[in-house]
Amino acid sequence: MAKKRMRKGTSIDRIPHRSPSVFTNTLVKITDNSGGRIGRVIGVVKKKTVKRRLPGAAVGDVVVISIREGKPELRRQIMHAIVVRQRKPYRRPDGTWIQFEDNAVVLITPEGEPKATEIRGPIAKEAAEKWPKLANLASMII
């Protein structure tokens, strides 16, 4: 009878890997009613990479963005945001693959509260589980 080997450091309830698709300099759509429309990612919070590799974010990760289009008082502001949709397909633990048609973020305050009162369009289930306050504002969770 063959013995099943487990690699060192693996466990049953570890967090599944999501392929990053939002990197530094990516233009993302701001999908809430805070006043911004388009932002450029200038950093990823709590991601460490090797030398010369761009840090990437996936659904549910926090990024630092510079707002490029929107209300005049918000333009050229640097804010934190949460990635709620990504174009690159990723696999869920139940075996299904999911992909959205755009990369989208929701702006947050420095305390981690959503800046807006409504989120337009669907958000990923992974982002809603990690950030419950986003789930309350979302109209559709996929």
N, C-alpha and C. Protein backbone atom coordinates (compact mmCIF):
# COMPACT_ATOMS: atom_id res chain seq x y z
N MET A 1 0.84 -1.17 0.00
CA MET A 1 0.00 0.00 0.00
C MET A 1 0.89 1.24 0.00
N ALA A 2 0.59 2.16 -0.90
CA ALA A 2 1.40 3.37 -1.05
C ALA A 2 1.09 4.35 0.08
N LYS A 3 2.12 4.96 0.55
CA LYS A 3 1.97 5.93 1.63
C LYS A 3 1.87 7.33 1.01
N LYS A 4 0.89 8.10 1.42
CA LYS A 4 0.71 9.44 0.89
C LYS A 4 1.66 10.39 1.62
N ARG A 5 2.45 11.11 0.85
CA ARG A 5 3.42 12.03 1.42
C ARG A 5 2.88 13.44 1.36
N MET A 6 3.10 14.18 2.42
CA MET A 6 2.74 15.60 2.43
C MET A 6 4.02 16.40 2.46
N ARG A 7 4.04 17.45 1.66
CA ARG A 7 5.22 18.31 1.67
C ARG A 7 5.31 19.07 2.98
N LYS A 8 6.51 19.44 3.30
CA LYS A 8 6.75 20.18 4.53
C LYS A 8 6.06 21.54 4.46
N GLY A 9 5.32 21.89 5.50
CA GLY A 9 4.67 23.19 5.58
C GLY A 9 3.27 23.22 5.00
N THR A 10 2.75 22.08 4.55
CA THR A 10 1.40 22.09 4.00
C THR A 10 0.41 21.65 5.07
N SER A 11 -0.80 22.12 4.95
CA SER A 11 -1.86 21.70 5.85
C SER A 11 -3.17 21.68 5.09
N ILE A 12 -4.15 21.07 5.67
CA ILE A 12 -5.44 20.93 5.01
C ILE A 12 -6.14 22.28 4.86
N ASP A 13 -6.14 23.10 5.90
CA ASP A 13 -6.88 24.34 5.85
C ASP A 13 -6.01 25.55 5.56
N ARG A 14 -5.13 25.45 4.62
CA ARG A 14 -4.36 26.62 4.24
C ARG A 14 -5.13 27.44 3.22
N ILE A 15 -4.75 28.69 3.08
CA ILE A 15 -5.45 29.61 2.19
C ILE A 15 -5.06 29.28 0.75
N PRO A 16 -6.04 29.10 -0.15
CA PRO A 16 -5.70 28.78 -1.54
C PRO A 16 -5.04 29.97 -2.23
N HIS A 17 -4.18 29.66 -3.17
CA HIS A 17 -3.44 30.68 -3.91
C HIS A 17 -4.33 31.28 -4.99
N ARG A 18 -4.33 32.61 -5.10
CA ARG A 18 -5.03 33.29 -6.18
C ARG A 18 -3.98 33.97 -7.04
N SER A 19 -4.04 33.75 -8.33
CA SER A 19 -3.06 34.34 -9.24
C SER A 19 -3.22 35.85 -9.25
N PRO A 20 -2.14 36.59 -9.00
CA PRO A 20 -2.25 38.04 -9.03
C PRO A 20 -2.41 38.56 -10.45
N SER A 21 -3.22 39.61 -10.61
CA SER A 21 -3.37 40.19 -11.93
C SER A 21 -3.30 41.71 -11.90
N VAL A 22 -3.26 42.31 -10.72
CA VAL A 22 -3.18 43.77 -10.61
C VAL A 22 -1.78 44.11 -10.10
N PHE A 23 -0.96 44.62 -11.00
CA PHE A 23 0.42 44.92 -10.66
C PHE A 23 0.63 46.43 -10.58
N THR A 24 1.83 46.83 -10.22
CA THR A 24 2.16 48.25 -10.19
C THR A 24 2.00 48.85 -11.58
N ASN A 25 1.45 50.04 -11.66
CA ASN A 25 1.16 50.79 -12.90
C ASN A 25 -0.07 50.29 -13.64
N THR A 26 -0.84 49.38 -13.09
CA THR A 26 -2.07 48.94 -13.73
C THR A 26 -3.15 50.00 -13.54
N LEU A 27 -3.89 50.31 -14.60
CA LEU A 27 -5.04 51.20 -14.49
C LEU A 27 -6.24 50.36 -14.09
N VAL A 28 -6.94 50.77 -13.03
CA VAL A 28 -8.08 50.02 -12.52
C VAL A 28 -9.30 50.92 -12.47
N LYS A 29 -10.47 50.30 -12.57
CA LYS A 29 -11.73 51.03 -12.49
C LYS A 29 -12.12 51.13 -11.02
N ILE A 30 -12.56 52.31 -10.60
CA ILE A 30 -13.04 52.49 -9.23
C ILE A 30 -14.55 52.29 -9.28
N THR A 31 -15.04 51.24 -8.64
CA THR A 31 -16.41 50.80 -8.84
C THR A 31 -17.37 51.19 -7.72
N ASP A 32 -17.05 52.25 -6.99
CA ASP A 32 -17.97 52.70 -5.95
C ASP A 32 -18.41 54.14 -6.26
N ASN A 33 -19.27 54.69 -5.40
CA ASN A 33 -19.80 56.04 -5.65
C ASN A 33 -19.05 57.11 -4.85
N SER A 34 -17.76 56.91 -4.63
CA SER A 34 -16.98 57.87 -3.86
C SER A 34 -16.55 59.08 -4.69
N GLY A 35 -16.61 58.99 -6.02
CA GLY A 35 -16.25 60.13 -6.86
C GLY A 35 -15.11 59.85 -7.80
N GLY A 36 -14.31 58.81 -7.57
CA GLY A 36 -13.23 58.47 -8.48
C GLY A 36 -13.73 57.53 -9.56
N ARG A 37 -13.07 57.59 -10.73
CA ARG A 37 -13.47 56.70 -11.82
C ARG A 37 -12.35 55.76 -12.22
N ILE A 38 -11.13 56.29 -12.37
CA ILE A 38 -10.00 55.46 -12.78
C ILE A 38 -8.82 55.77 -11.87
N GLY A 39 -8.09 54.73 -11.47
CA GLY A 39 -6.91 54.91 -10.64
C GLY A 39 -5.74 54.09 -11.16
N ARG A 40 -4.54 54.49 -10.79
CA ARG A 40 -3.34 53.75 -11.17
C ARG A 40 -2.73 53.15 -9.91
N VAL A 41 -2.46 51.86 -9.94
CA VAL A 41 -1.87 51.18 -8.80
C VAL A 41 -0.42 51.59 -8.68
N ILE A 42 -0.04 52.07 -7.48
CA ILE A 42 1.35 52.47 -7.28
C ILE A 42 2.02 51.61 -6.22
N GLY A 43 1.30 50.68 -5.63
CA GLY A 43 1.91 49.79 -4.64
C GLY A 43 0.91 48.76 -4.15
N VAL A 44 1.44 47.70 -3.57
CA VAL A 44 0.62 46.64 -2.99
C VAL A 44 1.01 46.52 -1.53
N VAL A 45 0.03 46.56 -0.64
CA VAL A 45 0.30 46.55 0.80
C VAL A 45 0.58 45.11 1.24
N LYS A 46 1.62 44.95 2.07
CA LYS A 46 2.01 43.68 2.68
C LYS A 46 2.40 42.61 1.66
N LYS A 47 3.04 43.00 0.57
CA LYS A 47 3.56 42.04 -0.40
C LYS A 47 5.06 42.26 -0.54
N LYS A 48 5.81 41.20 -0.36
CA LYS A 48 7.25 41.28 -0.53
C LYS A 48 7.63 40.42 -1.72
N THR A 49 8.51 40.93 -2.56
CA THR A 49 8.92 40.19 -3.75
C THR A 49 10.43 40.18 -3.82
N VAL A 50 10.93 39.49 -4.81
CA VAL A 50 12.37 39.47 -5.03
C VAL A 50 12.76 40.72 -5.81
N LYS A 51 14.03 40.96 -5.93
CA LYS A 51 14.52 42.16 -6.59
C LYS A 51 14.04 42.22 -8.04
N ARG A 52 13.59 43.38 -8.46
CA ARG A 52 13.12 43.70 -9.80
C ARG A 52 11.80 43.04 -10.19
N ARG A 53 11.12 42.38 -9.29
CA ARG A 53 9.82 41.79 -9.60
C ARG A 53 8.72 42.73 -9.12
N LEU A 54 7.74 42.97 -9.97
CA LEU A 54 6.64 43.84 -9.60
C LEU A 54 5.72 43.15 -8.61
N PRO A 55 5.33 43.82 -7.53
CA PRO A 55 4.38 43.19 -6.61
C PRO A 55 3.00 43.13 -7.24
N GLY A 56 2.30 42.02 -7.06
CA GLY A 56 0.99 41.83 -7.65
C GLY A 56 -0.07 41.63 -6.58
N ALA A 57 -1.29 42.02 -6.90
CA ALA A 57 -2.41 41.86 -5.99
C ALA A 57 -3.49 41.03 -6.67
N ALA A 58 -4.23 40.27 -5.86
CA ALA A 58 -5.35 39.48 -6.35
C ALA A 58 -6.61 39.99 -5.66
N VAL A 59 -7.70 39.29 -5.86
CA VAL A 59 -8.99 39.67 -5.27
C VAL A 59 -8.87 39.66 -3.75
N GLY A 60 -9.30 40.74 -3.11
CA GLY A 60 -9.28 40.84 -1.66
C GLY A 60 -8.04 41.51 -1.09
N ASP A 61 -7.03 41.79 -1.91
CA ASP A 61 -5.80 42.43 -1.44
C ASP A 61 -5.96 43.95 -1.42
N VAL A 62 -5.16 44.59 -0.57
CA VAL A 62 -5.18 46.05 -0.46
C VAL A 62 -4.06 46.62 -1.32
N VAL A 63 -4.39 47.63 -2.12
CA VAL A 63 -3.41 48.29 -2.97
C VAL A 63 -3.42 49.79 -2.67
N VAL A 64 -2.34 50.46 -3.04
CA VAL A 64 -2.25 51.92 -2.93
C VAL A 64 -2.43 52.45 -4.35
N ILE A 65 -3.40 53.38 -4.52
CA ILE A 65 -3.65 53.90 -5.86
C ILE A 65 -3.56 55.41 -5.88
N SER A 66 -3.28 55.92 -7.07
CA SER A 66 -3.32 57.35 -7.34
C SER A 66 -4.52 57.56 -8.26
N ILE A 67 -5.45 58.41 -7.85
CA ILE A 67 -6.67 58.60 -8.62
C ILE A 67 -6.37 59.48 -9.83
N ARG A 68 -6.68 58.97 -11.03
CA ARG A 68 -6.38 59.65 -12.29
C ARG A 68 -7.58 60.41 -12.84
N GLU A 69 -8.77 59.84 -12.73
CA GLU A 69 -9.97 60.50 -13.24
C GLU A 69 -11.04 60.47 -12.17
N GLY A 70 -11.84 61.54 -12.12
CA GLY A 70 -12.93 61.61 -11.15
C GLY A 70 -13.18 63.05 -10.74
N LYS A 71 -13.77 63.22 -9.57
CA LYS A 71 -14.05 64.57 -9.05
C LYS A 71 -12.74 65.34 -8.87
N PRO A 72 -12.77 66.65 -9.10
CA PRO A 72 -11.53 67.43 -8.98
C PRO A 72 -10.88 67.35 -7.61
N GLU A 73 -11.67 67.27 -6.54
CA GLU A 73 -11.06 67.20 -5.20
C GLU A 73 -10.42 65.86 -4.91
N LEU A 74 -10.77 64.82 -5.66
CA LEU A 74 -10.16 63.50 -5.47
C LEU A 74 -8.97 63.25 -6.39
N ARG A 75 -8.93 63.94 -7.53
CA ARG A 75 -7.86 63.69 -8.49
C ARG A 75 -6.49 63.96 -7.88
N ARG A 76 -5.52 63.13 -8.26
CA ARG A 76 -4.13 63.22 -7.81
C ARG A 76 -3.97 62.95 -6.32
N GLN A 77 -4.98 62.34 -5.71
CA GLN A 77 -4.88 61.92 -4.31
C GLN A 77 -4.34 60.49 -4.27
N ILE A 78 -3.62 60.17 -3.22
CA ILE A 78 -3.12 58.82 -3.02
C ILE A 78 -3.95 58.18 -1.92
N MET A 79 -4.58 57.04 -2.24
CA MET A 79 -5.48 56.38 -1.31
C MET A 79 -5.26 54.87 -1.34
N HIS A 80 -5.83 54.19 -0.34
CA HIS A 80 -5.83 52.74 -0.31
C HIS A 80 -7.13 52.22 -0.93
N ALA A 81 -7.07 51.04 -1.51
CA ALA A 81 -8.25 50.45 -2.13
C ALA A 81 -8.15 48.93 -2.02
N ILE A 82 -9.30 48.27 -2.15
CA ILE A 82 -9.38 46.80 -2.11
C ILE A 82 -9.76 46.31 -3.50
N VAL A 83 -9.05 45.32 -4.01
CA VAL A 83 -9.35 44.73 -5.32
C VAL A 83 -10.59 43.85 -5.17
N VAL A 84 -11.64 44.13 -5.94
CA VAL A 84 -12.87 43.34 -5.86
C VAL A 84 -13.13 42.52 -7.12
N ARG A 85 -12.48 42.86 -8.24
CA ARG A 85 -12.61 42.07 -9.48
C ARG A 85 -11.26 42.03 -10.16
N GLN A 86 -10.96 40.89 -10.83
CA GLN A 86 -9.73 40.80 -11.60
C GLN A 86 -10.00 40.06 -12.90
N ARG A 87 -9.28 40.47 -13.95
CA ARG A 87 -9.48 39.88 -15.28
C ARG A 87 -8.84 38.51 -15.42
N LYS A 88 -7.75 38.30 -14.73
CA LYS A 88 -7.06 37.01 -14.86
C LYS A 88 -7.89 35.92 -14.18
N PRO A 89 -8.10 34.79 -14.87
CA PRO A 89 -8.89 33.71 -14.24
C PRO A 89 -8.15 33.10 -13.05
N TYR A 90 -8.91 32.73 -12.03
CA TYR A 90 -8.32 32.04 -10.89
C TYR A 90 -9.25 30.91 -10.46
N ARG A 91 -8.71 29.95 -9.76
CA ARG A 91 -9.45 28.74 -9.41
C ARG A 91 -9.89 28.81 -7.97
N ARG A 92 -11.15 28.45 -7.73
CA ARG A 92 -11.68 28.39 -6.37
C ARG A 92 -11.46 27.00 -5.82
N PRO A 93 -11.51 26.85 -4.47
CA PRO A 93 -11.26 25.53 -3.87
C PRO A 93 -12.25 24.45 -4.33
N ASP A 94 -13.46 24.83 -4.76
CA ASP A 94 -14.41 23.82 -5.22
C ASP A 94 -14.16 23.37 -6.65
N GLY A 95 -13.14 23.94 -7.31
CA GLY A 95 -12.76 23.50 -8.65
C GLY A 95 -13.24 24.40 -9.76
N THR A 96 -14.09 25.37 -9.48
CA THR A 96 -14.58 26.26 -10.54
C THR A 96 -13.55 27.36 -10.80
N TRP A 97 -13.56 27.82 -12.04
CA TRP A 97 -12.70 28.93 -12.44
C TRP A 97 -13.56 30.16 -12.59
N ILE A 98 -13.06 31.31 -12.19
CA ILE A 98 -13.82 32.56 -12.29
C ILE A 98 -12.93 33.65 -12.87
N GLN A 99 -13.56 34.51 -13.66
CA GLN A 99 -12.86 35.61 -14.31
C GLN A 99 -13.87 36.73 -14.54
N PHE A 100 -13.45 37.97 -14.34
CA PHE A 100 -14.31 39.13 -14.56
C PHE A 100 -13.84 39.85 -15.82
N GLU A 101 -14.63 40.79 -16.30
CA GLU A 101 -14.26 41.47 -17.54
C GLU A 101 -13.39 42.70 -17.31
N ASP A 102 -13.16 43.10 -16.04
CA ASP A 102 -12.28 44.23 -15.78
C ASP A 102 -11.63 44.08 -14.41
N ASN A 103 -10.60 44.89 -14.19
CA ASN A 103 -9.98 44.99 -12.87
C ASN A 103 -10.66 46.16 -12.17
N ALA A 104 -11.18 45.92 -10.95
CA ALA A 104 -11.90 46.98 -10.26
C ALA A 104 -11.52 47.00 -8.79
N VAL A 105 -11.56 48.21 -8.19
CA VAL A 105 -11.23 48.40 -6.79
C VAL A 105 -12.31 49.23 -6.11
N VAL A 106 -12.31 49.18 -4.77
CA VAL A 106 -13.19 50.00 -3.94
C VAL A 106 -12.30 50.79 -2.99
N LEU A 107 -12.49 52.10 -2.93
CA LEU A 107 -11.67 52.95 -2.07
C LEU A 107 -12.01 52.74 -0.60
N ILE A 108 -10.98 52.79 0.26
CA ILE A 108 -11.19 52.65 1.70
C ILE A 108 -10.49 53.81 2.41
N THR A 109 -10.90 54.06 3.63
CA THR A 109 -10.28 55.08 4.47
C THR A 109 -9.03 54.48 5.13
N PRO A 110 -8.20 55.30 5.77
CA PRO A 110 -7.02 54.74 6.46
C PRO A 110 -7.37 53.74 7.57
N GLU A 111 -8.59 53.82 8.12
CA GLU A 111 -9.01 52.87 9.17
C GLU A 111 -9.51 51.56 8.59
N GLY A 112 -9.71 51.48 7.27
CA GLY A 112 -10.18 50.27 6.64
C GLY A 112 -11.67 50.24 6.34
N GLU A 113 -12.35 51.35 6.57
CA GLU A 113 -13.79 51.45 6.27
C GLU A 113 -13.97 51.83 4.80
N PRO A 114 -15.01 51.32 4.13
CA PRO A 114 -15.26 51.76 2.75
C PRO A 114 -15.61 53.24 2.71
N LYS A 115 -15.09 53.94 1.72
CA LYS A 115 -15.32 55.38 1.59
C LYS A 115 -16.70 55.68 1.02
N ALA A 116 -17.25 54.75 0.28
CA ALA A 116 -18.52 54.96 -0.42
C ALA A 116 -19.69 54.34 0.33
N THR A 117 -20.88 54.55 -0.22
CA THR A 117 -22.09 53.97 0.36
C THR A 117 -22.72 52.93 -0.56
N GLU A 118 -22.15 52.74 -1.75
CA GLU A 118 -22.70 51.78 -2.71
C GLU A 118 -21.58 51.28 -3.61
N ILE A 119 -21.66 50.00 -3.99
CA ILE A 119 -20.69 49.42 -4.92
C ILE A 119 -21.45 49.04 -6.18
N ARG A 120 -20.99 49.55 -7.33
CA ARG A 120 -21.62 49.24 -8.60
C ARG A 120 -21.02 47.98 -9.19
N GLY A 121 -21.86 47.09 -9.69
CA GLY A 121 -21.39 45.88 -10.33
C GLY A 121 -21.11 44.78 -9.32
N PRO A 122 -20.75 43.60 -9.82
CA PRO A 122 -20.51 42.46 -8.93
C PRO A 122 -19.15 42.56 -8.24
N ILE A 123 -19.03 41.87 -7.11
CA ILE A 123 -17.73 41.72 -6.46
C ILE A 123 -17.50 40.23 -6.23
N ALA A 124 -16.25 39.84 -6.10
CA ALA A 124 -15.91 38.44 -5.92
C ALA A 124 -16.24 37.98 -4.50
N LYS A 125 -16.58 36.72 -4.39
CA LYS A 125 -16.94 36.14 -3.09
C LYS A 125 -15.76 36.19 -2.12
N GLU A 126 -14.54 36.05 -2.64
CA GLU A 126 -13.35 36.06 -1.80
C GLU A 126 -13.17 37.42 -1.13
N ALA A 127 -13.43 38.49 -1.87
CA ALA A 127 -13.32 39.84 -1.30
C ALA A 127 -14.42 40.08 -0.27
N ALA A 128 -15.62 39.56 -0.52
CA ALA A 128 -16.73 39.74 0.41
C ALA A 128 -16.50 38.99 1.72
N GLU A 129 -15.87 37.80 1.64
CA GLU A 129 -15.58 37.04 2.86
C GLU A 129 -14.48 37.68 3.68
N LYS A 130 -13.48 38.24 3.00
CA LYS A 130 -12.35 38.86 3.70
C LYS A 130 -12.73 40.22 4.28
N TRP A 131 -13.61 40.96 3.61
CA TRP A 131 -14.03 42.30 4.01
C TRP A 131 -15.55 42.32 4.13
N PRO A 132 -16.13 41.98 5.28
CA PRO A 132 -17.60 41.91 5.42
C PRO A 132 -18.32 43.24 5.18
N LYS A 133 -17.66 44.36 5.44
CA LYS A 133 -18.31 45.66 5.21
C LYS A 133 -18.54 45.92 3.73
N LEU A 134 -17.69 45.33 2.88
CA LEU A 134 -17.91 45.45 1.44
C LEU A 134 -19.12 44.63 1.02
N ALA A 135 -19.32 43.49 1.67
CA ALA A 135 -20.44 42.63 1.33
C ALA A 135 -21.77 43.32 1.60
N ASN A 136 -21.82 44.17 2.64
CA ASN A 136 -23.04 44.89 2.95
C ASN A 136 -23.38 45.93 1.90
N LEU A 137 -22.36 46.50 1.25
CA LEU A 137 -22.58 47.55 0.25
C LEU A 137 -22.81 47.00 -1.14
N ALA A 138 -22.42 45.76 -1.38
CA ALA A 138 -22.45 45.20 -2.74
C ALA A 138 -23.88 44.82 -3.14
N SER A 139 -24.17 45.05 -4.41
CA SER A 139 -25.47 44.65 -4.93
C SER A 139 -25.45 43.20 -5.41
N MET A 140 -24.27 42.72 -5.81
CA MET A 140 -24.17 41.37 -6.34
C MET A 140 -22.82 40.75 -5.92
N ILE A 141 -22.86 39.55 -5.36
CA ILE A 141 -21.64 38.84 -4.98
C ILE A 141 -21.56 37.56 -5.80
N ILE A 142 -20.46 37.40 -6.54
CA ILE A 142 -20.31 36.22 -7.39
C ILE A 142 -19.18 35.37 -6.86
